Amino acid sequence: MSARTLFAPRTRQTLCTIEIEDSASWLHAHVALDAHDDLQPGDEVRVHGPPIHTRFGDKIVLRRTATIKRAGLLRRMLTRWSGMFLLTELYEVSFTPRRLAP
């Protein structure tokens, strides 16, 4: 295996389905890739096309092209390593001046 294979990113294009809903019940945007590749830490997905604008109450389903950029070995390892430390930012810590009842 060459150094280029280990460290260089690989790209591939695939189709995807984009679903966007902006209503009183839901506010979400989902992208489902047609390619059945499992995304790994460090991989990037770029959806091509013009920006999508919705109005309140709209639900839009579109088909677009997406580019999957696979991370090389070095980037994948760094992403996993840094992810372990960045996860602690999600923790909420609270200090109370009184003792909590058992």
PDB file of N, CA and C in Angstrom:
ATOM      1  N   MET A   1       0.841  -1.168   0.000  1.00  0.00           N
ATOM      2  CA  MET A   1       0.000   0.000   0.000  1.00  0.00           C
ATOM      3  C   MET A   1       0.891   1.237   0.000  1.00  0.00           C
ATOM      4  N   SER A   2       0.636   2.167  -0.893  1.00  0.00           N
ATOM      5  CA  SER A   2       1.494   3.343  -1.012  1.00  0.00           C
ATOM      6  C   SER A   2       1.103   4.409   0.005  1.00  0.00           C
ATOM      7  N   ALA A   3       1.998   5.377   0.208  1.00  0.00           N
ATOM      8  CA  ALA A   3       1.727   6.482   1.133  1.00  0.00           C
ATOM      9  C   ALA A   3       0.551   7.308   0.630  1.00  0.00           C
ATOM     10  N   ARG A   4       0.406   7.439  -0.677  1.00  0.00           N
ATOM     11  CA  ARG A   4      -0.712   8.205  -1.235  1.00  0.00           C
ATOM     12  C   ARG A   4      -2.042   7.544  -0.868  1.00  0.00           C
ATOM     13  N   THR A   5      -2.095   6.241  -0.889  1.00  0.00           N
ATOM     14  CA  THR A   5      -3.306   5.516  -0.529  1.00  0.00           C
ATOM     15  C   THR A   5      -3.641   5.707   0.948  1.00  0.00           C
ATOM     16  N   LEU A   6      -2.642   5.744   1.790  1.00  0.00           N
ATOM     17  CA  LEU A   6      -2.882   5.872   3.225  1.00  0.00           C
ATOM     18  C   LEU A   6      -3.304   7.271   3.648  1.00  0.00           C
ATOM     19  N   PHE A   7      -2.746   8.311   3.014  1.00  0.00           N
ATOM     20  CA  PHE A   7      -2.951   9.660   3.513  1.00  0.00           C
ATOM     21  C   PHE A   7      -3.787  10.547   2.602  1.00  0.00           C
ATOM     22  N   ALA A   8      -3.892  10.260   1.335  1.00  0.00           N
ATOM     23  CA  ALA A   8      -4.613  11.120   0.404  1.00  0.00           C
ATOM     24  C   ALA A   8      -6.111  10.833   0.440  1.00  0.00           C
ATOM     25  N   PRO A   9      -6.929  11.873   0.354  1.00  0.00           N
ATOM     26  CA  PRO A   9      -8.369  11.652   0.335  1.00  0.00           C
ATOM     27  C   PRO A   9      -8.830  11.094  -1.016  1.00  0.00           C
ATOM     28  N   ARG A  10      -9.880  10.298  -0.992  1.00  0.00           N
ATOM     29  CA  ARG A  10     -10.500   9.775  -2.198  1.00  0.00           C
ATOM     30  C   ARG A  10     -11.889  10.396  -2.298  1.00  0.00           C
ATOM     31  N   THR A  11     -12.304  10.722  -3.500  1.00  0.00           N
ATOM     32  CA  THR A  11     -13.628  11.315  -3.675  1.00  0.00           C
ATOM     33  C   THR A  11     -14.450  10.447  -4.607  1.00  0.00           C
ATOM     34  N   ARG A  12     -15.756  10.555  -4.426  1.00  0.00           N
ATOM     35  CA  ARG A  12     -16.677   9.886  -5.338  1.00  0.00           C
ATOM     36  C   ARG A  12     -17.987  10.640  -5.313  1.00  0.00           C
ATOM     37  N   GLN A  13     -18.711  10.584  -6.399  1.00  0.00           N
ATOM     38  CA  GLN A  13     -19.989  11.273  -6.485  1.00  0.00           C
ATOM     39  C   GLN A  13     -21.127  10.274  -6.424  1.00  0.00           C
ATOM     40  N   THR A  14     -22.225  10.729  -5.851  1.00  0.00           N
ATOM     41  CA  THR A  14     -23.417   9.896  -5.750  1.00  0.00           C
ATOM     42  C   THR A  14     -24.635  10.820  -5.735  1.00  0.00           C
ATOM     43  N   LEU A  15     -25.775  10.252  -5.955  1.00  0.00           N
ATOM     44  CA  LEU A  15     -27.011  11.018  -5.835  1.00  0.00           C
ATOM     45  C   LEU A  15     -27.485  10.975  -4.387  1.00  0.00           C
ATOM     46  N   CYS A  16     -28.283  11.965  -4.009  1.00  0.00           N
ATOM     47  CA  CYS A  16     -28.825  11.987  -2.658  1.00  0.00           C
ATOM     48  C   CYS A  16     -30.231  12.591  -2.672  1.00  0.00           C
ATOM     49  N   THR A  17     -30.965  12.312  -1.629  1.00  0.00           N
ATOM     50  CA  THR A  17     -32.294  12.874  -1.438  1.00  0.00           C
ATOM     51  C   THR A  17     -32.229  13.827  -0.255  1.00  0.00           C
ATOM     52  N   ILE A  18     -32.733  15.041  -0.459  1.00  0.00           N
ATOM     53  CA  ILE A  18     -32.742  16.052   0.589  1.00  0.00           C
ATOM     54  C   ILE A  18     -34.193  16.282   0.990  1.00  0.00           C
ATOM     55  N   GLU A  19     -34.454  16.216   2.281  1.00  0.00           N
ATOM     56  CA  GLU A  19     -35.802  16.474   2.797  1.00  0.00           C
ATOM     57  C   GLU A  19     -35.703  17.599   3.818  1.00  0.00           C
ATOM     58  N   ILE A  20     -36.457  18.668   3.573  1.00  0.00           N
ATOM     59  CA  ILE A  20     -36.471  19.826   4.464  1.00  0.00           C
ATOM     60  C   ILE A  20     -37.915  20.123   4.825  1.00  0.00           C
ATOM     61  N   GLU A  21     -38.165  20.319   6.116  1.00  0.00           N
ATOM     62  CA  GLU A  21     -39.506  20.685   6.569  1.00  0.00           C
ATOM     63  C   GLU A  21     -39.393  21.801   7.591  1.00  0.00           C
ATOM     64  N   ASP A  22     -40.214  22.822   7.409  1.00  0.00           N
ATOM     65  CA  ASP A  22     -40.271  23.965   8.316  1.00  0.00           C
ATOM     66  C   ASP A  22     -41.744  24.213   8.630  1.00  0.00           C
ATOM     67  N   SER A  23     -42.207  23.643   9.729  1.00  0.00           N
ATOM     68  CA  SER A  23     -43.616  23.781  10.102  1.00  0.00           C
ATOM     69  C   SER A  23     -43.721  23.961  11.612  1.00  0.00           C
ATOM     70  N   ALA A  24     -44.939  24.073  12.100  1.00  0.00           N
ATOM     71  CA  ALA A  24     -45.153  24.222  13.536  1.00  0.00           C
ATOM     72  C   ALA A  24     -44.741  22.955  14.287  1.00  0.00           C
ATOM     73  N   SER A  25     -44.801  21.807  13.613  1.00  0.00           N
ATOM     74  CA  SER A  25     -44.464  20.539  14.252  1.00  0.00           C
ATOM     75  C   SER A  25     -42.998  20.152  14.085  1.00  0.00           C
ATOM     76  N   TRP A  26     -42.391  20.505  12.959  1.00  0.00           N
ATOM     77  CA  TRP A  26     -41.051  20.034  12.630  1.00  0.00           C
ATOM     78  C   TRP A  26     -40.188  21.143  12.054  1.00  0.00           C
ATOM     79  N   LEU A  27     -38.921  21.085  12.371  1.00  0.00           N
ATOM     80  CA  LEU A  27     -37.906  21.898  11.717  1.00  0.00           C
ATOM     81  C   LEU A  27     -36.705  20.980  11.544  1.00  0.00           C
ATOM     82  N   HIS A  28     -36.523  20.460  10.328  1.00  0.00           N
ATOM     83  CA  HIS A  28     -35.418  19.536  10.106  1.00  0.00           C
ATOM     84  C   HIS A  28     -34.950  19.570   8.659  1.00  0.00           C
ATOM     85  N   ALA A  29     -33.729  19.112   8.469  1.00  0.00           N
ATOM     86  CA  ALA A  29     -33.148  18.928   7.145  1.00  0.00           C
ATOM     87  C   ALA A  29     -32.352  17.625   7.189  1.00  0.00           C
ATOM     88  N   HIS A  30     -32.661  16.711   6.293  1.00  0.00           N
ATOM     89  CA  HIS A  30     -31.993  15.413   6.247  1.00  0.00           C
ATOM     90  C   HIS A  30     -31.452  15.168   4.841  1.00  0.00           C
ATOM     91  N   VAL A  31     -30.298  14.545   4.772  1.00  0.00           N
ATOM     92  CA  VAL A  31     -29.707  14.135   3.501  1.00  0.00           C
ATOM     93  C   VAL A  31     -29.486  12.632   3.570  1.00  0.00           C
ATOM     94  N   ALA A  32     -30.049  11.923   2.599  1.00  0.00           N
ATOM     95  CA  ALA A  32     -29.863  10.469   2.505  1.00  0.00           C
ATOM     96  C   ALA A  32     -29.070  10.181   1.234  1.00  0.00           C
ATOM     97  N   LEU A  33     -27.886   9.604   1.400  1.00  0.00           N
ATOM     98  CA  LEU A  33     -27.028   9.285   0.261  1.00  0.00           C
ATOM     99  C   LEU A  33     -27.468   7.981  -0.389  1.00  0.00           C
ATOM    100  N   ASP A  34     -27.465   7.950  -1.727  1.00  0.00           N
ATOM    101  CA  ASP A  34     -27.786   6.716  -2.439  1.00  0.00           C
ATOM    102  C   ASP A  34     -26.677   5.688  -2.299  1.00  0.00           C
ATOM    103  N   ALA A  35     -25.438   6.146  -2.196  1.00  0.00           N
ATOM    104  CA  ALA A  35     -24.310   5.229  -2.014  1.00  0.00           C
ATOM    105  C   ALA A  35     -24.437   4.583  -0.642  1.00  0.00           C
ATOM    106  N   HIS A  36     -24.173   3.304  -0.573  1.00  0.00           N
ATOM    107  CA  HIS A  36     -24.309   2.588   0.684  1.00  0.00           C
ATOM    108  C   HIS A  36     -22.978   2.492   1.423  1.00  0.00           C
ATOM    109  N   ASP A  37     -22.131   3.490   1.236  1.00  0.00           N
ATOM    110  CA  ASP A  37     -20.857   3.532   1.949  1.00  0.00           C
ATOM    111  C   ASP A  37     -21.098   4.023   3.368  1.00  0.00           C
ATOM    112  N   ASP A  38     -20.414   3.424   4.305  1.00  0.00           N
ATOM    113  CA  ASP A  38     -20.484   3.916   5.670  1.00  0.00           C
ATOM    114  C   ASP A  38     -19.525   5.084   5.814  1.00  0.00           C
ATOM    115  N   LEU A  39     -20.045   6.211   6.293  1.00  0.00           N
ATOM    116  CA  LEU A  39     -19.187   7.359   6.531  1.00  0.00           C
ATOM    117  C   LEU A  39     -18.408   7.129   7.815  1.00  0.00           C
ATOM    118  N   GLN A  40     -17.170   7.546   7.807  1.00  0.00           N
ATOM    119  CA  GLN A  40     -16.273   7.359   8.935  1.00  0.00           C
ATOM    120  C   GLN A  40     -15.834   8.724   9.451  1.00  0.00           C
ATOM    121  N   PRO A  41     -15.252   8.798  10.651  1.00  0.00           N
ATOM    122  CA  PRO A  41     -14.754  10.069  11.170  1.00  0.00           C
ATOM    123  C   PRO A  41     -13.779  10.722  10.189  1.00  0.00           C
ATOM    124  N   GLY A  42     -13.973  12.025   9.949  1.00  0.00           N
ATOM    125  CA  GLY A  42     -13.107  12.769   9.053  1.00  0.00           C
ATOM    126  C   GLY A  42     -13.623  12.851   7.625  1.00  0.00           C
ATOM    127  N   ASP A  43     -14.577  12.003   7.240  1.00  0.00           N
ATOM    128  CA  ASP A  43     -15.140  12.061   5.890  1.00  0.00           C
ATOM    129  C   ASP A  43     -15.983  13.329   5.749  1.00  0.00           C
ATOM    130  N   GLU A  44     -16.060  13.843   4.524  1.00  0.00           N
ATOM    131  CA  GLU A  44     -16.847  15.044   4.253  1.00  0.00           C
ATOM    132  C   GLU A  44     -17.852  14.748   3.150  1.00  0.00           C
ATOM    133  N   VAL A  45     -19.026  15.375   3.253  1.00  0.00           N
ATOM    134  CA  VAL A  45     -20.058  15.257   2.222  1.00  0.00           C
ATOM    135  C   VAL A  45     -20.438  16.670   1.794  1.00  0.00           C
ATOM    136  N   ARG A  46     -20.389  16.921   0.497  1.00  0.00           N
ATOM    137  CA  ARG A  46     -20.796  18.224  -0.034  1.00  0.00           C
ATOM    138  C   ARG A  46     -21.936  17.998  -1.013  1.00  0.00           C
ATOM    139  N   VAL A  47     -23.070  18.648  -0.755  1.00  0.00           N
ATOM    140  CA  VAL A  47     -24.235  18.554  -1.628  1.00  0.00           C
ATOM    141  C   VAL A  47     -24.172  19.713  -2.611  1.00  0.00           C
ATOM    142  N   HIS A  48     -24.294  19.421  -3.899  1.00  0.00           N
ATOM    143  CA  HIS A  48     -24.159  20.430  -4.944  1.00  0.00           C
ATOM    144  C   HIS A  48     -25.518  21.008  -5.331  1.00  0.00           C
ATOM    145  N   GLY A  49     -25.489  22.247  -5.798  1.00  0.00           N
ATOM    146  CA  GLY A  49     -26.695  22.896  -6.291  1.00  0.00           C
ATOM    147  C   GLY A  49     -26.891  24.240  -5.619  1.00  0.00           C
ATOM    148  N   PRO A  50     -27.888  24.974  -6.078  1.00  0.00           N
ATOM    149  CA  PRO A  50     -28.150  26.293  -5.500  1.00  0.00           C
ATOM    150  C   PRO A  50     -28.698  26.166  -4.081  1.00  0.00           C
ATOM    151  N   PRO A  51     -28.593  27.236  -3.284  1.00  0.00           N
ATOM    152  CA  PRO A  51     -29.143  27.200  -1.922  1.00  0.00           C
ATOM    153  C   PRO A  51     -30.648  26.927  -1.946  1.00  0.00           C
ATOM    154  N   ILE A  52     -31.101  26.292  -0.908  1.00  0.00           N
ATOM    155  CA  ILE A  52     -32.517  25.927  -0.794  1.00  0.00           C
ATOM    156  C   ILE A  52     -33.167  26.866   0.211  1.00  0.00           C
ATOM    157  N   HIS A  53     -34.253  27.501  -0.197  1.00  0.00           N
ATOM    158  CA  HIS A  53     -34.986  28.409   0.685  1.00  0.00           C
ATOM    159  C   HIS A  53     -36.394  27.853   0.894  1.00  0.00           C
ATOM    160  N   THR A  54     -36.840  27.863   2.137  1.00  0.00           N
ATOM    161  CA  THR A  54     -38.195  27.401   2.437  1.00  0.00           C
ATOM    162  C   THR A  54     -38.948  28.489   3.167  1.00  0.00           C
ATOM    163  N   ARG A  55     -40.245  28.418   3.082  1.00  0.00           N
ATOM    164  CA  ARG A  55     -41.114  29.296   3.856  1.00  0.00           C
ATOM    165  C   ARG A  55     -41.765  28.463   4.950  1.00  0.00           C
ATOM    166  N   PHE A  56     -42.256  29.126   5.964  1.00  0.00           N
ATOM    167  CA  PHE A  56     -42.925  28.421   7.054  1.00  0.00           C
ATOM    168  C   PHE A  56     -44.095  27.615   6.490  1.00  0.00           C
ATOM    169  N   GLY A  57     -44.158  26.362   6.890  1.00  0.00           N
ATOM    170  CA  GLY A  57     -45.216  25.465   6.435  1.00  0.00           C
ATOM    171  C   GLY A  57     -44.814  24.605   5.247  1.00  0.00           C
ATOM    172  N   ASP A  58     -43.639  24.840   4.686  1.00  0.00           N
ATOM    173  CA  ASP A  58     -43.180  24.080   3.518  1.00  0.00           C
ATOM    174  C   ASP A  58     -42.514  22.773   3.916  1.00  0.00           C
ATOM    175  N   LYS A  59     -42.686  21.783   3.055  1.00  0.00           N
ATOM    176  CA  LYS A  59     -41.924  20.540   3.132  1.00  0.00           C
ATOM    177  C   LYS A  59     -41.412  20.277   1.720  1.00  0.00           C
ATOM    178  N   ILE A  60     -40.099  20.174   1.576  1.00  0.00           N
ATOM    179  CA  ILE A  60     -39.474  20.038   0.270  1.00  0.00           C
ATOM    180  C   ILE A  60     -38.670  18.741   0.230  1.00  0.00           C
ATOM    181  N   VAL A  61     -38.788  18.003  -0.872  1.00  0.00           N
ATOM    182  CA  VAL A  61     -37.969  16.821  -1.112  1.00  0.00           C
ATOM    183  C   VAL A  61     -37.311  17.017  -2.473  1.00  0.00           C
ATOM    184  N   LEU A  62     -35.970  16.996  -2.496  1.00  0.00           N
ATOM    185  CA  LEU A  62     -35.204  17.241  -3.714  1.00  0.00           C
ATOM    186  C   LEU A  62     -34.204  16.123  -3.961  1.00  0.00           C
ATOM    187  N   ARG A  63     -33.799  15.981  -5.217  1.00  0.00           N
ATOM    188  CA  ARG A  63     -32.715  15.068  -5.585  1.00  0.00           C
ATOM    189  C   ARG A  63     -31.553  15.928  -6.058  1.00  0.00           C
ATOM    190  N   ARG A  64     -30.369  15.656  -5.521  1.00  0.00           N
ATOM    191  CA  ARG A  64     -29.169  16.401  -5.887  1.00  0.00           C
ATOM    192  C   ARG A  64     -27.991  15.445  -5.988  1.00  0.00           C
ATOM    193  N   THR A  65     -26.879  15.983  -6.484  1.00  0.00           N
ATOM    194  CA  THR A  65     -25.620  15.244  -6.531  1.00  0.00           C
ATOM    195  C   THR A  65     -24.806  15.623  -5.308  1.00  0.00           C
ATOM    196  N   ALA A  66     -24.129  14.657  -4.729  1.00  0.00           N
ATOM    197  CA  ALA A  66     -23.268  14.895  -3.572  1.00  0.00           C
ATOM    198  C   ALA A  66     -21.903  14.288  -3.844  1.00  0.00           C
ATOM    199  N   THR A  67     -20.874  14.925  -3.295  1.00  0.00           N
ATOM    200  CA  THR A  67     -19.521  14.406  -3.381  1.00  0.00           C
ATOM    201  C   THR A  67     -19.090  13.940  -1.998  1.00  0.00           C
ATOM    202  N   ILE A  68     -18.653  12.692  -1.914  1.00  0.00           N
ATOM    203  CA  ILE A  68     -18.136  12.138  -0.664  1.00  0.00           C
ATOM    204  C   ILE A  68     -16.618  12.179  -0.754  1.00  0.00           C
ATOM    205  N   LYS A  69     -16.000  12.849   0.196  1.00  0.00           N
ATOM    206  CA  LYS A  69     -14.537  12.935   0.244  1.00  0.00           C
ATOM    207  C   LYS A  69     -14.084  12.111   1.442  1.00  0.00           C
ATOM    208  N   ARG A  70     -13.471  10.978   1.143  1.00  0.00           N
ATOM    209  CA  ARG A  70     -12.997  10.078   2.188  1.00  0.00           C
ATOM    210  C   ARG A  70     -11.745  10.635   2.835  1.00  0.00           C
ATOM    211  N   ALA A  71     -11.687  10.564   4.135  1.00  0.00           N
ATOM    212  CA  ALA A  71     -10.504  11.009   4.862  1.00  0.00           C
ATOM    213  C   ALA A  71      -9.397   9.984   4.704  1.00  0.00           C
ATOM    214  N   GLY A  72      -8.171  10.473   4.638  1.00  0.00           N
ATOM    215  CA  GLY A  72      -7.018   9.580   4.639  1.00  0.00           C
ATOM    216  C   GLY A  72      -6.806   9.031   6.041  1.00  0.00           C
ATOM    217  N   LEU A  73      -5.894   8.130   6.179  1.00  0.00           N
ATOM    218  CA  LEU A  73      -5.641   7.473   7.458  1.00  0.00           C
ATOM    219  C   LEU A  73      -5.256   8.475   8.544  1.00  0.00           C
ATOM    220  N   LEU A  74      -4.376   9.409   8.220  1.00  0.00           N
ATOM    221  CA  LEU A  74      -3.929  10.388   9.208  1.00  0.00           C
ATOM    222  C   LEU A  74      -5.082  11.262   9.695  1.00  0.00           C
ATOM    223  N   ARG A  75      -5.886  11.785   8.760  1.00  0.00           N
ATOM    224  CA  ARG A  75      -7.021  12.637   9.146  1.00  0.00           C
ATOM    225  C   ARG A  75      -8.044  11.846   9.969  1.00  0.00           C
ATOM    226  N   ARG A  76      -8.288  10.613   9.588  1.00  0.00           N
ATOM    227  CA  ARG A  76      -9.246   9.777  10.323  1.00  0.00           C
ATOM    228  C   ARG A  76      -8.785   9.560  11.765  1.00  0.00           C
ATOM    229  N   MET A  77      -7.495   9.271  11.929  1.00  0.00           N
ATOM    230  CA  MET A  77      -6.961   9.057  13.280  1.00  0.00           C
ATOM    231  C   MET A  77      -7.008  10.334  14.112  1.00  0.00           C
ATOM    232  N   LEU A  78      -6.652  11.475  13.520  1.00  0.00           N
ATOM    233  CA  LEU A  78      -6.698  12.753  14.240  1.00  0.00           C
ATOM    234  C   LEU A  78      -8.125  13.137  14.618  1.00  0.00           C
ATOM    235  N   THR A  79      -9.077  12.862  13.737  1.00  0.00           N
ATOM    236  CA  THR A  79     -10.476  13.182  14.024  1.00  0.00           C
ATOM    237  C   THR A  79     -10.990  12.342  15.189  1.00  0.00           C
ATOM    238  N   ARG A  80     -10.677  11.060  15.177  1.00  0.00           N
ATOM    239  CA  ARG A  80     -11.096  10.199  16.302  1.00  0.00           C
ATOM    240  C   ARG A  80     -10.446  10.633  17.605  1.00  0.00           C
ATOM    241  N   TRP A  81      -9.152  10.938  17.551  1.00  0.00           N
ATOM    242  CA  TRP A  81      -8.418  11.336  18.749  1.00  0.00           C
ATOM    243  C   TRP A  81      -8.958  12.649  19.308  1.00  0.00           C
ATOM    244  N   SER A  82      -9.147  13.650  18.458  1.00  0.00           N
ATOM    245  CA  SER A  82      -9.644  14.942  18.945  1.00  0.00           C
ATOM    246  C   SER A  82     -11.102  14.846  19.383  1.00  0.00           C
ATOM    247  N   GLY A  83     -11.873  13.959  18.774  1.00  0.00           N
ATOM    248  CA  GLY A  83     -13.268  13.782  19.159  1.00  0.00           C
ATOM    249  C   GLY A  83     -13.431  13.311  20.592  1.00  0.00           C
ATOM    250  N   MET A  84     -12.486  12.529  21.083  1.00  0.00           N
ATOM    251  CA  MET A  84     -12.555  12.061  22.471  1.00  0.00           C
ATOM    252  C   MET A  84     -12.440  13.230  23.450  1.00  0.00           C
ATOM    253  N   PHE A  85     -11.627  14.223  23.096  1.00  0.00           N
ATOM    254  CA  PHE A  85     -11.437  15.359  23.986  1.00  0.00           C
ATOM    255  C   PHE A  85     -12.512  16.421  23.799  1.00  0.00           C
ATOM    256  N   LEU A  86     -13.016  16.585  22.587  1.00  0.00           N
ATOM    257  CA  LEU A  86     -14.042  17.592  22.330  1.00  0.00           C
ATOM    258  C   LEU A  86     -15.406  17.170  22.855  1.00  0.00           C
ATOM    259  N   LEU A  87     -15.597  15.887  23.080  1.00  0.00           N
ATOM    260  CA  LEU A  87     -16.857  15.401  23.613  1.00  0.00           C
ATOM    261  C   LEU A  87     -17.145  15.992  24.981  1.00  0.00           C
ATOM    262  N   THR A  88     -16.115  16.289  25.742  1.00  0.00           N
ATOM    263  CA  THR A  88     -16.321  16.837  27.084  1.00  0.00           C
ATOM    264  C   THR A  88     -16.980  18.204  27.057  1.00  0.00           C
ATOM    265  N   GLU A  89     -16.947  18.909  25.929  1.00  0.00           N
ATOM    266  CA  GLU A  89     -17.624  20.198  25.829  1.00  0.00           C
ATOM    267  C   GLU A  89     -19.135  20.042  25.895  1.00  0.00           C
ATOM    268  N   LEU A  90     -19.636  18.856  25.640  1.00  0.00           N
ATOM    269  CA  LEU A  90     -21.077  18.623  25.673  1.00  0.00           C
ATOM    270  C   LEU A  90     -21.602  18.366  27.087  1.00  0.00           C
ATOM    271  N   TYR A  91     -20.710  18.098  28.013  1.00  0.00           N
ATOM    272  CA  TYR A  91     -21.125  17.818  29.383  1.00  0.00           C
ATOM    273  C   TYR A  91     -21.573  19.104  30.068  1.00  0.00           C
ATOM    274  N   GLU A  92     -22.605  18.992  30.870  1.00  0.00           N
ATOM    275  CA  GLU A  92     -23.049  20.124  31.663  1.00  0.00           C
ATOM    276  C   GLU A  92     -22.708  19.822  33.117  1.00  0.00           C
ATOM    277  N   VAL A  93     -21.992  20.720  33.727  1.00  0.00           N
ATOM    278  CA  VAL A  93     -21.578  20.532  35.111  1.00  0.00           C
ATOM    279  C   VAL A  93     -22.246  21.614  35.949  1.00  0.00           C
ATOM    280  N   SER A  94     -22.789  21.207  37.064  1.00  0.00           N
ATOM    281  CA  SER A  94     -23.462  22.153  37.936  1.00  0.00           C
ATOM    282  C   SER A  94     -22.900  22.020  39.342  1.00  0.00           C
ATOM    283  N   PHE A  95     -22.658  23.151  39.968  1.00  0.00           N
ATOM    284  CA  PHE A  95     -22.198  23.169  41.346  1.00  0.00           C
ATOM    285  C   PHE A  95     -23.275  23.844  42.182  1.00  0.00           C
ATOM    286  N   THR A  96     -23.745  23.140  43.188  1.00  0.00           N
ATOM    287  CA  THR A  96     -24.778  23.723  44.052  1.00  0.00           C
ATOM    288  C   THR A  96     -24.171  24.003  45.423  1.00  0.00           C
ATOM    289  N   PRO A  97     -24.575  25.105  46.053  1.00  0.00           N
ATOM    290  CA  PRO A  97     -24.030  25.447  47.359  1.00  0.00           C
ATOM    291  C   PRO A  97     -24.573  24.576  48.490  1.00  0.00           C
ATOM    292  N   ARG A  98     -25.624  23.826  48.222  1.00  0.00           N
ATOM    293  CA  ARG A  98     -26.211  22.994  49.261  1.00  0.00           C
ATOM    294  C   ARG A  98     -26.091  21.524  48.893  1.00  0.00           C
ATOM    295  N   ARG A  99     -26.245  20.684  49.882  1.00  0.00           N
ATOM    296  CA  ARG A  99     -26.187  19.239  49.657  1.00  0.00           C
ATOM    297  C   ARG A  99     -27.538  18.759  49.142  1.00  0.00           C
ATOM    298  N   LEU A 100     -27.510  17.883  48.136  1.00  0.00           N
ATOM    299  CA  LEU A 100     -28.749  17.345  47.588  1.00  0.00           C
ATOM    300  C   LEU A 100     -29.256  16.229  48.490  1.00  0.00           C
ATOM    301  N   ALA A 101     -30.564  16.138  48.632  1.00  0.00           N
ATOM    302  CA  ALA A 101     -31.179  15.095  49.455  1.00  0.00           C
ATOM    303  C   ALA A 101     -31.023  13.747  48.758  1.00  0.00           C
ATOM    304  N   PRO A 102     -30.791  12.667  49.527  1.00  0.00           N
ATOM    305  CA  PRO A 102     -30.631  11.334  48.911  1.00  0.00           C
ATOM    306  C   PRO A 102     -31.921  10.780  48.357  1.00  0.00           C
TER     307      PRO A 102
END
